[in-house]
Amino acid sequence: MANRYAPLQLPRNPVAMPQDYQTKITYFDGTGSYTALQNTKKMQDCFENYEIDDDNVRMNIFVQSLTGEVRPWFRALPANSIADPVALYQTLINRWEKKKDPLHILSEYDTIKIGSQEVVLHYCARFNNVYNAIPQNLRPPPDLALIKFPDGFDSDMAYQLRERAPQTLADMQNIAISVEANLITKRNREKLLSRNNLQHLSKNWMQSSRVSMDLEIEWKPLKENHHGKDNKVIL
């Protein structure tokens, strides 16, 4: 059992697995039309959909998706050589993703952009996959990849990334992930504030309505008494 996960840097204590996690696994054996990149994306979507956030749990489950010739290949990797899910995905894709025409890969690299619903972590992995798939003799040097990476974002994000002037692509990608996390926190805070304001306005409206009703109830008898005096016959 220990050899099964030997390449992963996992804590000594066993990781608690989600209930019925086996039913969420899709399997990859390196054959057929189902690619390593497709399996990686599908498993990442699964983790997001079922809110499996712990990196150790993600790696543990992902490894169980590897079957056929892929499984012994993985177990033969150096012990403790994979520290996080991104490294695990990259290692699998570098070895098992089907090779494409170099010109097609270069074209994909030139036009790569983050998707409208894609999180930054996924985009970083996709960018790295495309970059590493370029043949060594055609691959742009790391300095040019560092310049290229911000082009995949909107102008605001690209400006923030370049303004911080990171020295490596890994540093820039970590900054991008951090910026996205801060934006999500800010949006959630704004939503909460907006919800609280709506609740406050609703409460004030209900209180105002109640006061109006109370005044109407008090005013009605006064009007009746007033009309009664006007209609009284004086002999």
Foldseek 3Di string as FASTA:
>chain_A
DCLQCFQEDDDPDDDDEDPPVVVQAAADALDDPCFLVNNLVSLVVSCVVVVVDDFRNSVVRSSVRYDHPRRVVVSPPHGPNHYTDLSVSLVRLLPRGDADDLVVLVVCLQPAAADPPHALVVSLSVNVSSQSSHPPVPHDDFVVSLVSVLVRYDPVLSVVLVVVPDDGNVVSSVVSNVVVVVVVVVVVVVVVVVVVVVVVVVVVVVVVVVVVVVVVVVVVVVVVVVVVVVPDDDD
